[in-house]
Amino acid sequence: MSRYVDITAVMQVIGNIYVNPSLLDNENYSFYEEDFTEEFHRVIFGAMYNLFQLGAKEISLSAIEDYLESKPKSLAIYKANKGAEYLQKLTDNISLSTFQYYYS
């Protein structure tokens, strides 16, 4: 396993899933919390993945924060890393047309 982490790729994947959670249901892609080396990224991905599994067709900041309320450690990590600002920044800087490239 490589120690190199492409943060831009991580941001693109998380951002695209946030905006388009149906990617989690696409048979061409597989996602696991372990794919993300940073605990903060695992918290965000895990929340989005679980919300989608619970039936969410769209994912919002409030849904993520509500979900994390029952997970104090994860919520603390999310808040310490300014999760809401991070996700907003991602939505401003992602492109679905390049998702396949960054996913790979």
PDB file of N, CA and C in Angstrom:
ATOM      1  N   MET A   1       0.845  -1.186   0.000  1.00  0.00           N
ATOM      2  CA  MET A   1       0.000   0.000   0.000  1.00  0.00           C
ATOM      3  C   MET A   1       0.885   1.243   0.000  1.00  0.00           C
ATOM      4  N   SER A   2       0.527   2.183  -0.810  1.00  0.00           N
ATOM      5  CA  SER A   2       1.302   3.413  -0.935  1.00  0.00           C
ATOM      6  C   SER A   2       1.042   4.348   0.240  1.00  0.00           C
ATOM      7  N   ARG A   3       2.072   5.026   0.658  1.00  0.00           N
ATOM      8  CA  ARG A   3       1.910   6.016   1.726  1.00  0.00           C
ATOM      9  C   ARG A   3       1.456   7.353   1.142  1.00  0.00           C
ATOM     10  N   TYR A   4       1.564   7.500  -0.159  1.00  0.00           N
ATOM     11  CA  TYR A   4       1.170   8.736  -0.817  1.00  0.00           C
ATOM     12  C   TYR A   4      -0.357   8.840  -0.852  1.00  0.00           C
ATOM     13  N   VAL A   5      -0.855   9.969  -0.426  1.00  0.00           N
ATOM     14  CA  VAL A   5      -2.297  10.209  -0.455  1.00  0.00           C
ATOM     15  C   VAL A   5      -2.545  11.429  -1.336  1.00  0.00           C
ATOM     16  N   ASP A   6      -3.355  11.244  -2.344  1.00  0.00           N
ATOM     17  CA  ASP A   6      -3.706  12.340  -3.241  1.00  0.00           C
ATOM     18  C   ASP A   6      -4.909  13.067  -2.638  1.00  0.00           C
ATOM     19  N   ILE A   7      -4.616  14.137  -1.896  1.00  0.00           N
ATOM     20  CA  ILE A   7      -5.676  14.872  -1.197  1.00  0.00           C
ATOM     21  C   ILE A   7      -6.691  15.453  -2.182  1.00  0.00           C
ATOM     22  N   THR A   8      -6.226  15.888  -3.347  1.00  0.00           N
ATOM     23  CA  THR A   8      -7.158  16.417  -4.346  1.00  0.00           C
ATOM     24  C   THR A   8      -8.138  15.330  -4.765  1.00  0.00           C
ATOM     25  N   ALA A   9      -7.652  14.122  -4.960  1.00  0.00           N
ATOM     26  CA  ALA A   9      -8.535  13.011  -5.343  1.00  0.00           C
ATOM     27  C   ALA A   9      -9.529  12.718  -4.224  1.00  0.00           C
ATOM     28  N   VAL A  10      -9.058  12.714  -2.981  1.00  0.00           N
ATOM     29  CA  VAL A  10      -9.944  12.467  -1.832  1.00  0.00           C
ATOM     30  C   VAL A  10     -11.034  13.527  -1.795  1.00  0.00           C
ATOM     31  N   MET A  11     -10.652  14.774  -1.980  1.00  0.00           N
ATOM     32  CA  MET A  11     -11.621  15.870  -1.949  1.00  0.00           C
ATOM     33  C   MET A  11     -12.640  15.731  -3.077  1.00  0.00           C
ATOM     34  N   GLN A  12     -12.178  15.371  -4.264  1.00  0.00           N
ATOM     35  CA  GLN A  12     -13.083  15.211  -5.399  1.00  0.00           C
ATOM     36  C   GLN A  12     -14.066  14.063  -5.177  1.00  0.00           C
ATOM     37  N   VAL A  13     -13.579  12.947  -4.652  1.00  0.00           N
ATOM     38  CA  VAL A  13     -14.451  11.799  -4.406  1.00  0.00           C
ATOM     39  C   VAL A  13     -15.482  12.141  -3.335  1.00  0.00           C
ATOM     40  N   ILE A  14     -15.039  12.676  -2.208  1.00  0.00           N
ATOM     41  CA  ILE A  14     -15.974  13.032  -1.135  1.00  0.00           C
ATOM     42  C   ILE A  14     -16.964  14.094  -1.614  1.00  0.00           C
ATOM     43  N   GLY A  15     -16.473  15.105  -2.295  1.00  0.00           N
ATOM     44  CA  GLY A  15     -17.346  16.181  -2.783  1.00  0.00           C
ATOM     45  C   GLY A  15     -18.380  15.684  -3.768  1.00  0.00           C
ATOM     46  N   ASN A  16     -17.969  14.805  -4.674  1.00  0.00           N
ATOM     47  CA  ASN A  16     -18.920  14.284  -5.654  1.00  0.00           C
ATOM     48  C   ASN A  16     -19.967  13.385  -4.996  1.00  0.00           C
ATOM     49  N   ILE A  17     -19.560  12.602  -4.007  1.00  0.00           N
ATOM     50  CA  ILE A  17     -20.536  11.776  -3.290  1.00  0.00           C
ATOM     51  C   ILE A  17     -21.512  12.671  -2.522  1.00  0.00           C
ATOM     52  N   TYR A  18     -20.997  13.729  -1.927  1.00  0.00           N
ATOM     53  CA  TYR A  18     -21.849  14.662  -1.178  1.00  0.00           C
ATOM     54  C   TYR A  18     -22.920  15.265  -2.090  1.00  0.00           C
ATOM     55  N   VAL A  19     -22.524  15.676  -3.267  1.00  0.00           N
ATOM     56  CA  VAL A  19     -23.447  16.314  -4.212  1.00  0.00           C
ATOM     57  C   VAL A  19     -24.311  15.277  -4.936  1.00  0.00           C
ATOM     58  N   ASN A  20     -23.745  14.097  -5.169  1.00  0.00           N
ATOM     59  CA  ASN A  20     -24.433  13.074  -5.944  1.00  0.00           C
ATOM     60  C   ASN A  20     -24.318  11.717  -5.244  1.00  0.00           C
ATOM     61  N   PRO A  21     -25.042  11.516  -4.133  1.00  0.00           N
ATOM     62  CA  PRO A  21     -24.899  10.290  -3.350  1.00  0.00           C
ATOM     63  C   PRO A  21     -25.243   9.016  -4.114  1.00  0.00           C
ATOM     64  N   SER A  22     -25.938   9.131  -5.240  1.00  0.00           N
ATOM     65  CA  SER A  22     -26.253   7.928  -6.016  1.00  0.00           C
ATOM     66  C   SER A  22     -24.985   7.247  -6.532  1.00  0.00           C
ATOM     67  N   LEU A  23     -23.853   7.947  -6.509  1.00  0.00           N
ATOM     68  CA  LEU A  23     -22.581   7.307  -6.873  1.00  0.00           C
ATOM     69  C   LEU A  23     -22.299   6.108  -5.975  1.00  0.00           C
ATOM     70  N   LEU A  24     -22.815   6.150  -4.744  1.00  0.00           N
ATOM     71  CA  LEU A  24     -22.610   5.046  -3.807  1.00  0.00           C
ATOM     72  C   LEU A  24     -23.345   3.780  -4.254  1.00  0.00           C
ATOM     73  N   ASP A  25     -24.302   3.939  -5.133  1.00  0.00           N
ATOM     74  CA  ASP A  25     -25.114   2.816  -5.613  1.00  0.00           C
ATOM     75  C   ASP A  25     -24.692   2.373  -7.014  1.00  0.00           C
ATOM     76  N   ASN A  26     -23.666   3.002  -7.557  1.00  0.00           N
ATOM     77  CA  ASN A  26     -23.200   2.696  -8.911  1.00  0.00           C
ATOM     78  C   ASN A  26     -22.282   1.480  -8.853  1.00  0.00           C
ATOM     79  N   GLU A  27     -22.632   0.450  -9.599  1.00  0.00           N
ATOM     80  CA  GLU A  27     -21.857  -0.797  -9.554  1.00  0.00           C
ATOM     81  C   GLU A  27     -20.438  -0.656 -10.108  1.00  0.00           C
ATOM     82  N   ASN A  28     -20.151   0.451 -10.779  1.00  0.00           N
ATOM     83  CA  ASN A  28     -18.801   0.672 -11.305  1.00  0.00           C
ATOM     84  C   ASN A  28     -17.820   1.160 -10.239  1.00  0.00           C
ATOM     85  N   TYR A  29     -18.355   1.531  -9.086  1.00  0.00           N
ATOM     86  CA  TYR A  29     -17.510   2.073  -8.021  1.00  0.00           C
ATOM     87  C   TYR A  29     -17.738   1.309  -6.726  1.00  0.00           C
ATOM     88  N   SER A  30     -16.675   1.200  -5.954  1.00  0.00           N
ATOM     89  CA  SER A  30     -16.824   0.645  -4.605  1.00  0.00           C
ATOM     90  C   SER A  30     -16.077   1.567  -3.653  1.00  0.00           C
ATOM     91  N   PHE A  31     -16.703   1.825  -2.532  1.00  0.00           N
ATOM     92  CA  PHE A  31     -16.152   2.753  -1.553  1.00  0.00           C
ATOM     93  C   PHE A  31     -16.153   2.100  -0.182  1.00  0.00           C
ATOM     94  N   TYR A  32     -15.097   2.348   0.572  1.00  0.00           N
ATOM     95  CA  TYR A  32     -14.983   1.838   1.932  1.00  0.00           C
ATOM     96  C   TYR A  32     -14.344   2.921   2.792  1.00  0.00           C
ATOM     97  N   GLU A  33     -14.732   2.971   4.068  1.00  0.00           N
ATOM     98  CA  GLU A  33     -14.126   3.958   4.970  1.00  0.00           C
ATOM     99  C   GLU A  33     -12.608   3.828   4.968  1.00  0.00           C
ATOM    100  N   GLU A  34     -12.116   2.589   4.841  1.00  0.00           N
ATOM    101  CA  GLU A  34     -10.672   2.347   4.871  1.00  0.00           C
ATOM    102  C   GLU A  34      -9.946   2.973   3.676  1.00  0.00           C
ATOM    103  N   ASP A  35     -10.700   3.377   2.642  1.00  0.00           N
ATOM    104  CA  ASP A  35     -10.088   4.034   1.481  1.00  0.00           C
ATOM    105  C   ASP A  35      -9.507   5.392   1.868  1.00  0.00           C
ATOM    106  N   PHE A  36      -9.972   5.931   2.974  1.00  0.00           N
ATOM    107  CA  PHE A  36      -9.580   7.276   3.398  1.00  0.00           C
ATOM    108  C   PHE A  36      -8.619   7.180   4.576  1.00  0.00           C
ATOM    109  N   THR A  37      -7.454   7.787   4.432  1.00  0.00           N
ATOM    110  CA  THR A  37      -6.419   7.672   5.467  1.00  0.00           C
ATOM    111  C   THR A  37      -6.642   8.629   6.627  1.00  0.00           C
ATOM    112  N   GLU A  38      -7.266   9.767   6.371  1.00  0.00           N
ATOM    113  CA  GLU A  38      -7.508  10.759   7.420  1.00  0.00           C
ATOM    114  C   GLU A  38      -8.803  10.439   8.160  1.00  0.00           C
ATOM    115  N   GLU A  39      -8.760  10.493   9.479  1.00  0.00           N
ATOM    116  CA  GLU A  39      -9.943  10.198  10.287  1.00  0.00           C
ATOM    117  C   GLU A  39     -11.097  11.142   9.932  1.00  0.00           C
ATOM    118  N   PHE A  40     -10.774  12.402   9.680  1.00  0.00           N
ATOM    119  CA  PHE A  40     -11.798  13.387   9.306  1.00  0.00           C
ATOM    120  C   PHE A  40     -12.526  12.949   8.030  1.00  0.00           C
ATOM    121  N   HIS A  41     -11.781  12.504   7.040  1.00  0.00           N
ATOM    122  CA  HIS A  41     -12.398  12.060   5.786  1.00  0.00           C
ATOM    123  C   HIS A  41     -13.246  10.809   6.015  1.00  0.00           C
ATOM    124  N   ARG A  42     -12.786   9.911   6.895  1.00  0.00           N
ATOM    125  CA  ARG A  42     -13.569   8.709   7.205  1.00  0.00           C
ATOM    126  C   ARG A  42     -14.882   9.080   7.896  1.00  0.00           C
ATOM    127  N   VAL A  43     -14.842  10.090   8.763  1.00  0.00           N
ATOM    128  CA  VAL A  43     -16.058  10.544   9.461  1.00  0.00           C
ATOM    129  C   VAL A  43     -17.079  11.065   8.450  1.00  0.00           C
ATOM    130  N   ILE A  44     -16.637  11.929   7.559  1.00  0.00           N
ATOM    131  CA  ILE A  44     -17.558  12.505   6.567  1.00  0.00           C
ATOM    132  C   ILE A  44     -18.083  11.420   5.634  1.00  0.00           C
ATOM    133  N   PHE A  45     -17.170  10.612   5.100  1.00  0.00           N
ATOM    134  CA  PHE A  45     -17.603   9.553   4.195  1.00  0.00           C
ATOM    135  C   PHE A  45     -18.562   8.599   4.904  1.00  0.00           C
ATOM    136  N   GLY A  46     -18.213   8.189   6.114  1.00  0.00           N
ATOM    137  CA  GLY A  46     -19.055   7.252   6.865  1.00  0.00           C
ATOM    138  C   GLY A  46     -20.452   7.800   7.090  1.00  0.00           C
ATOM    139  N   ALA A  47     -20.540   9.069   7.431  1.00  0.00           N
ATOM    140  CA  ALA A  47     -21.849   9.698   7.634  1.00  0.00           C
ATOM    141  C   ALA A  47     -22.649   9.688   6.332  1.00  0.00           C
ATOM    142  N   MET A  48     -22.026  10.084   5.232  1.00  0.00           N
ATOM    143  CA  MET A  48     -22.731  10.120   3.946  1.00  0.00           C
ATOM    144  C   MET A  48     -23.152   8.711   3.520  1.00  0.00           C
ATOM    145  N   TYR A  49     -22.253   7.764   3.663  1.00  0.00           N
ATOM    146  CA  TYR A  49     -22.543   6.377   3.278  1.00  0.00           C
ATOM    147  C   TYR A  49     -23.725   5.833   4.081  1.00  0.00           C
ATOM    148  N   ASN A  50     -23.690   6.039   5.379  1.00  0.00           N
ATOM    149  CA  ASN A  50     -24.763   5.525   6.230  1.00  0.00           C
ATOM    150  C   ASN A  50     -26.082   6.231   5.979  1.00  0.00           C
ATOM    151  N   LEU A  51     -26.047   7.531   5.747  1.00  0.00           N
ATOM    152  CA  LEU A  51     -27.276   8.252   5.410  1.00  0.00           C
ATOM    153  C   LEU A  51     -27.881   7.697   4.122  1.00  0.00           C
ATOM    154  N   PHE A  52     -27.029   7.443   3.137  1.00  0.00           N
ATOM    155  CA  PHE A  52     -27.508   6.887   1.870  1.00  0.00           C
ATOM    156  C   PHE A  52     -28.108   5.499   2.094  1.00  0.00           C
ATOM    157  N   GLN A  53     -27.430   4.681   2.885  1.00  0.00           N
ATOM    158  CA  GLN A  53     -27.936   3.332   3.179  1.00  0.00           C
ATOM    159  C   GLN A  53     -29.280   3.376   3.913  1.00  0.00           C
ATOM    160  N   LEU A  54     -29.486   4.441   4.678  1.00  0.00           N
ATOM    161  CA  LEU A  54     -30.745   4.613   5.407  1.00  0.00           C
ATOM    162  C   LEU A  54     -31.851   5.221   4.535  1.00  0.00           C
ATOM    163  N   GLY A  55     -31.538   5.485   3.263  1.00  0.00           N
ATOM    164  CA  GLY A  55     -32.561   5.941   2.330  1.00  0.00           C
ATOM    165  C   GLY A  55     -32.458   7.377   1.867  1.00  0.00           C
ATOM    166  N   ALA A  56     -31.454   8.117   2.321  1.00  0.00           N
ATOM    167  CA  ALA A  56     -31.316   9.516   1.886  1.00  0.00           C
ATOM    168  C   ALA A  56     -30.943   9.567   0.402  1.00  0.00           C
ATOM    169  N   LYS A  57     -31.720  10.296  -0.361  1.00  0.00           N
ATOM    170  CA  LYS A  57     -31.422  10.475  -1.786  1.00  0.00           C
ATOM    171  C   LYS A  57     -30.577  11.727  -2.009  1.00  0.00           C
ATOM    172  N   GLU A  58     -30.671  12.635  -1.059  1.00  0.00           N
ATOM    173  CA  GLU A  58     -29.847  13.848  -1.055  1.00  0.00           C
ATOM    174  C   GLU A  58     -29.218  13.949   0.325  1.00  0.00           C
ATOM    175  N   ILE A  59     -28.028  14.516   0.370  1.00  0.00           N
ATOM    176  CA  ILE A  59     -27.333  14.651   1.643  1.00  0.00           C
ATOM    177  C   ILE A  59     -27.059  16.136   1.882  1.00  0.00           C
ATOM    178  N   SER A  60     -27.445  16.598   3.053  1.00  0.00           N
ATOM    179  CA  SER A  60     -27.242  18.010   3.397  1.00  0.00           C
ATOM    180  C   SER A  60     -26.326  18.111   4.608  1.00  0.00           C
ATOM    181  N   LEU A  61     -25.840  19.323   4.836  1.00  0.00           N
ATOM    182  CA  LEU A  61     -25.020  19.557   6.030  1.00  0.00           C
ATOM    183  C   LEU A  61     -25.803  19.202   7.283  1.00  0.00           C
ATOM    184  N   SER A  62     -27.061  19.621   7.336  1.00  0.00           N
ATOM    185  CA  SER A  62     -27.848  19.357   8.542  1.00  0.00           C
ATOM    186  C   SER A  62     -28.066  17.854   8.743  1.00  0.00           C
ATOM    187  N   ALA A  63     -28.228  17.103   7.646  1.00  0.00           N
ATOM    188  CA  ALA A  63     -28.401  15.652   7.778  1.00  0.00           C
ATOM    189  C   ALA A  63     -27.128  15.012   8.326  1.00  0.00           C
ATOM    190  N   ILE A  64     -25.973  15.439   7.835  1.00  0.00           N
ATOM    191  CA  ILE A  64     -24.700  14.909   8.323  1.00  0.00           C
ATOM    192  C   ILE A  64     -24.538  15.246   9.799  1.00  0.00           C
ATOM    193  N   GLU A  65     -24.796  16.496  10.155  1.00  0.00           N
ATOM    194  CA  GLU A  65     -24.629  16.919  11.541  1.00  0.00           C
ATOM    195  C   GLU A  65     -25.628  16.218  12.467  1.00  0.00           C
ATOM    196  N   ASP A  66     -26.858  16.046  12.013  1.00  0.00           N
ATOM    197  CA  ASP A  66     -27.847  15.315  12.806  1.00  0.00           C
ATOM    198  C   ASP A  66     -27.398  13.867  13.011  1.00  0.00           C
ATOM    199  N   TYR A  67     -26.900  13.256  11.957  1.00  0.00           N
ATOM    200  CA  TYR A  67     -26.428  11.876  12.045  1.00  0.00           C
ATOM    201  C   TYR A  67     -25.273  11.760  13.047  1.00  0.00           C
ATOM    202  N   LEU A  68     -24.359  12.721  12.997  1.00  0.00           N
ATOM    203  CA  LEU A  68     -23.178  12.672  13.870  1.00  0.00           C
ATOM    204  C   LEU A  68     -23.495  13.000  15.331  1.00  0.00           C
ATOM    205  N   GLU A  69     -24.653  13.604  15.598  1.00  0.00           N
ATOM    206  CA  GLU A  69     -25.038  13.948  16.974  1.00  0.00           C
ATOM    207  C   GLU A  69     -24.978  12.729  17.898  1.00  0.00           C
ATOM    208  N   SER A  70     -25.289  11.563  17.366  1.00  0.00           N
ATOM    209  CA  SER A  70     -25.289  10.354  18.197  1.00  0.00           C
ATOM    210  C   SER A  70     -23.905   9.701  18.281  1.00  0.00           C
ATOM    211  N   LYS A  71     -22.928  10.351  17.664  1.00  0.00           N
ATOM    212  CA  LYS A  71     -21.551   9.842  17.664  1.00  0.00           C
ATOM    213  C   LYS A  71     -20.619  10.965  18.119  1.00  0.00           C
ATOM    214  N   PRO A  72     -20.531  11.199  19.425  1.00  0.00           N
ATOM    215  CA  PRO A  72     -19.796  12.363  19.951  1.00  0.00           C
ATOM    216  C   PRO A  72     -18.342  12.483  19.460  1.00  0.00           C
ATOM    217  N   LYS A  73     -17.631  11.377  19.399  1.00  0.00           N
ATOM    218  CA  LYS A  73     -16.233  11.438  18.947  1.00  0.00           C
ATOM    219  C   LYS A  73     -16.165  11.892  17.480  1.00  0.00           C
ATOM    220  N   SER A  74     -17.008  11.307  16.652  1.00  0.00           N
ATOM    221  CA  SER A  74     -17.031  11.672  15.225  1.00  0.00           C
ATOM    222  C   SER A  74     -17.481  13.119  15.038  1.00  0.00           C
ATOM    223  N   LEU A  75     -18.480  13.536  15.804  1.00  0.00           N
ATOM    224  CA  LEU A  75     -18.945  14.923  15.716  1.00  0.00           C
ATOM    225  C   LEU A  75     -17.837  15.885  16.121  1.00  0.00           C
ATOM    226  N   ALA A  76     -17.077  15.539  17.147  1.00  0.00           N
ATOM    227  CA  ALA A  76     -15.966  16.392  17.586  1.00  0.00           C
ATOM    228  C   ALA A  76     -14.911  16.511  16.488  1.00  0.00           C
ATOM    229  N   ILE A  77     -14.610  15.420  15.809  1.00  0.00           N
ATOM    230  CA  ILE A  77     -13.634  15.439  14.705  1.00  0.00           C
ATOM    231  C   ILE A  77     -14.168  16.306  13.571  1.00  0.00           C
ATOM    232  N   TYR A  78     -15.431  16.133  13.258  1.00  0.00           N
ATOM    233  CA  TYR A  78     -16.085  16.920  12.203  1.00  0.00           C
ATOM    234  C   TYR A  78     -16.007  18.413  12.515  1.00  0.00           C
ATOM    235  N   LYS A  79     -16.346  18.778  13.741  1.00  0.00           N
ATOM    236  CA  LYS A  79     -16.338  20.197  14.130  1.00  0.00           C
ATOM    237  C   LYS A  79     -14.924  20.753  14.226  1.00  0.00           C
ATOM    238  N   ALA A  80     -13.986  19.972  14.756  1.00  0.00           N
ATOM    239  CA  ALA A  80     -12.605  20.438  14.886  1.00  0.00           C
ATOM    240  C   ALA A  80     -11.976  20.729  13.527  1.00  0.00           C
ATOM    241  N   ASN A  81     -12.430  20.022  12.511  1.00  0.00           N
ATOM    242  CA  ASN A  81     -11.910  20.213  11.160  1.00  0.00           C
ATOM    243  C   ASN A  81     -12.817  21.100  10.305  1.00  0.00           C
ATOM    244  N   LYS A  82     -13.759  21.784  10.967  1.00  0.00           N
ATOM    245  CA  LYS A  82     -14.680  22.690  10.278  1.00  0.00           C
ATOM    246  C   LYS A  82     -15.372  21.991   9.106  1.00  0.00           C
ATOM    247  N   GLY A  83     -16.031  20.878   9.429  1.00  0.00           N
ATOM    248  CA  GLY A  83     -16.670  20.043   8.423  1.00  0.00           C
ATOM    249  C   GLY A  83     -17.634  20.767   7.508  1.00  0.00           C
ATOM    250  N   ALA A  84     -18.457  21.639   8.058  1.00  0.00           N
ATOM    251  CA  ALA A  84     -19.427  22.362   7.229  1.00  0.00           C
ATOM    252  C   ALA A  84     -18.716  23.238   6.206  1.00  0.00           C
ATOM    253  N   GLU A  85     -17.694  23.956   6.638  1.00  0.00           N
ATOM    254  CA  GLU A  85     -16.926  24.803   5.717  1.00  0.00           C
ATOM    255  C   GLU A  85     -16.209  23.948   4.675  1.00  0.00           C
ATOM    256  N   TYR A  86     -15.675  22.824   5.115  1.00  0.00           N
ATOM    257  CA  TYR A  86     -14.967  21.917   4.216  1.00  0.00           C
ATOM    258  C   TYR A  86     -15.896  21.423   3.108  1.00  0.00           C
ATOM    259  N   LEU A  87     -17.087  20.971   3.487  1.00  0.00           N
ATOM    260  CA  LEU A  87     -18.031  20.468   2.482  1.00  0.00           C
ATOM    261  C   LEU A  87     -18.496  21.567   1.548  1.00  0.00           C
ATOM    262  N   GLN A  88     -18.685  22.778   2.069  1.00  0.00           N
ATOM    263  CA  GLN A  88     -19.071  23.888   1.205  1.00  0.00           C
ATOM    264  C   GLN A  88     -17.963  24.183   0.198  1.00  0.00           C
ATOM    265  N   LYS A  89     -16.724  24.157   0.666  1.00  0.00           N
ATOM    266  CA  LYS A  89     -15.580  24.385  -0.226  1.00  0.00           C
ATOM    267  C   LYS A  89     -15.543  23.309  -1.315  1.00  0.00           C
ATOM    268  N   LEU A  90     -15.823  22.076  -0.934  1.00  0.00           N
ATOM    269  CA  LEU A  90     -15.814  20.995  -1.917  1.00  0.00           C
ATOM    270  C   LEU A  90     -16.869  21.208  -2.988  1.00  0.00           C
ATOM    271  N   THR A  91     -18.073  21.619  -2.583  1.00  0.00           N
ATOM    272  CA  THR A  91     -19.136  21.791  -3.572  1.00  0.00           C
ATOM    273  C   THR A  91     -18.786  22.882  -4.579  1.00  0.00           C
ATOM    274  N   ASP A  92     -17.952  23.816  -4.155  1.00  0.00           N
ATOM    275  CA  ASP A  92     -17.541  24.896  -5.057  1.00  0.00           C
ATOM    276  C   ASP A  92     -16.411  24.474  -5.991  1.00  0.00           C
ATOM    277  N   ASN A  93     -15.762  23.342  -5.704  1.00  0.00           N
ATOM    278  CA  ASN A  93     -14.556  22.978  -6.440  1.00  0.00           C
ATOM    279  C   ASN A  93     -14.559  21.583  -7.059  1.00  0.00           C
ATOM    280  N   ILE A  94     -15.722  20.955  -7.137  1.00  0.00           N
ATOM    281  CA  ILE A  94     -15.759  19.616  -7.716  1.00  0.00           C
ATOM    282  C   ILE A  94     -16.303  19.638  -9.127  1.00  0.00           C
ATOM    283  N   SER A  95     -16.029  18.566  -9.838  1.00  0.00           N
ATOM    284  CA  SER A  95     -16.546  18.423 -11.188  1.00  0.00           C
ATOM    285  C   SER A  95     -16.880  16.952 -11.422  1.00  0.00           C
ATOM    286  N   LEU A  96     -18.144  16.666 -11.694  1.00  0.00           N
ATOM    287  CA  LEU A  96     -18.550  15.293 -11.951  1.00  0.00           C
ATOM    288  C   LEU A  96     -17.858  14.742 -13.194  1.00  0.00           C
ATOM    289  N   SER A  97     -17.547  15.621 -14.136  1.00  0.00           N
ATOM    290  CA  SER A  97     -16.916  15.159 -15.375  1.00  0.00           C
ATOM    291  C   SER A  97     -15.520  14.580 -15.142  1.00  0.00           C
ATOM    292  N   THR A  98     -14.881  14.930 -14.029  1.00  0.00           N
ATOM    293  CA  THR A  98     -13.555  14.387 -13.738  1.00  0.00           C
ATOM    294  C   THR A  98     -13.586  13.338 -12.624  1.00  0.00           C
ATOM    295  N   PHE A  99     -14.790  12.941 -12.192  1.00  0.00           N
ATOM    296  CA  PHE A  99     -14.900  11.994 -11.086  1.00  0.00           C
ATOM    297  C   PHE A  99     -14.159  10.690 -11.374  1.00  0.00           C
ATOM    298  N   GLN A 100     -14.341  10.126 -12.542  1.00  0.00           N
ATOM    299  CA  GLN A 100     -13.708   8.845 -12.879  1.00  0.00           C
ATOM    300  C   GLN A 100     -12.188   8.940 -12.733  1.00  0.00           C
ATOM    301  N   TYR A 101     -11.623  10.027 -13.205  1.00  0.00           N
ATOM    302  CA  TYR A 101     -10.169  10.231 -13.087  1.00  0.00           C
ATOM    303  C   TYR A 101      -9.730  10.213 -11.627  1.00  0.00           C
ATOM    304  N   TYR A 102     -10.395  10.990 -10.802  1.00  0.00           N
ATOM    305  CA  TYR A 102      -9.998  11.075  -9.391  1.00  0.00           C
ATOM    306  C   TYR A 102     -10.339   9.786  -8.630  1.00  0.00           C
ATOM    307  N   TYR A 103     -11.412   9.135  -8.999  1.00  0.00           N
ATOM    308  CA  TYR A 103     -11.761   7.868  -8.366  1.00  0.00           C
ATOM    309  C   TYR A 103     -10.655   6.840  -8.599  1.00  0.00           C
ATOM    310  N   SER A 104     -10.160   6.806  -9.822  1.00  0.00           N
ATOM    311  CA  SER A 104      -9.100   5.845 -10.184  1.00  0.00           C
ATOM    312  C   SER A 104      -7.837   6.116  -9.398  1.00  0.00           C
TER     313      SER A 104
END
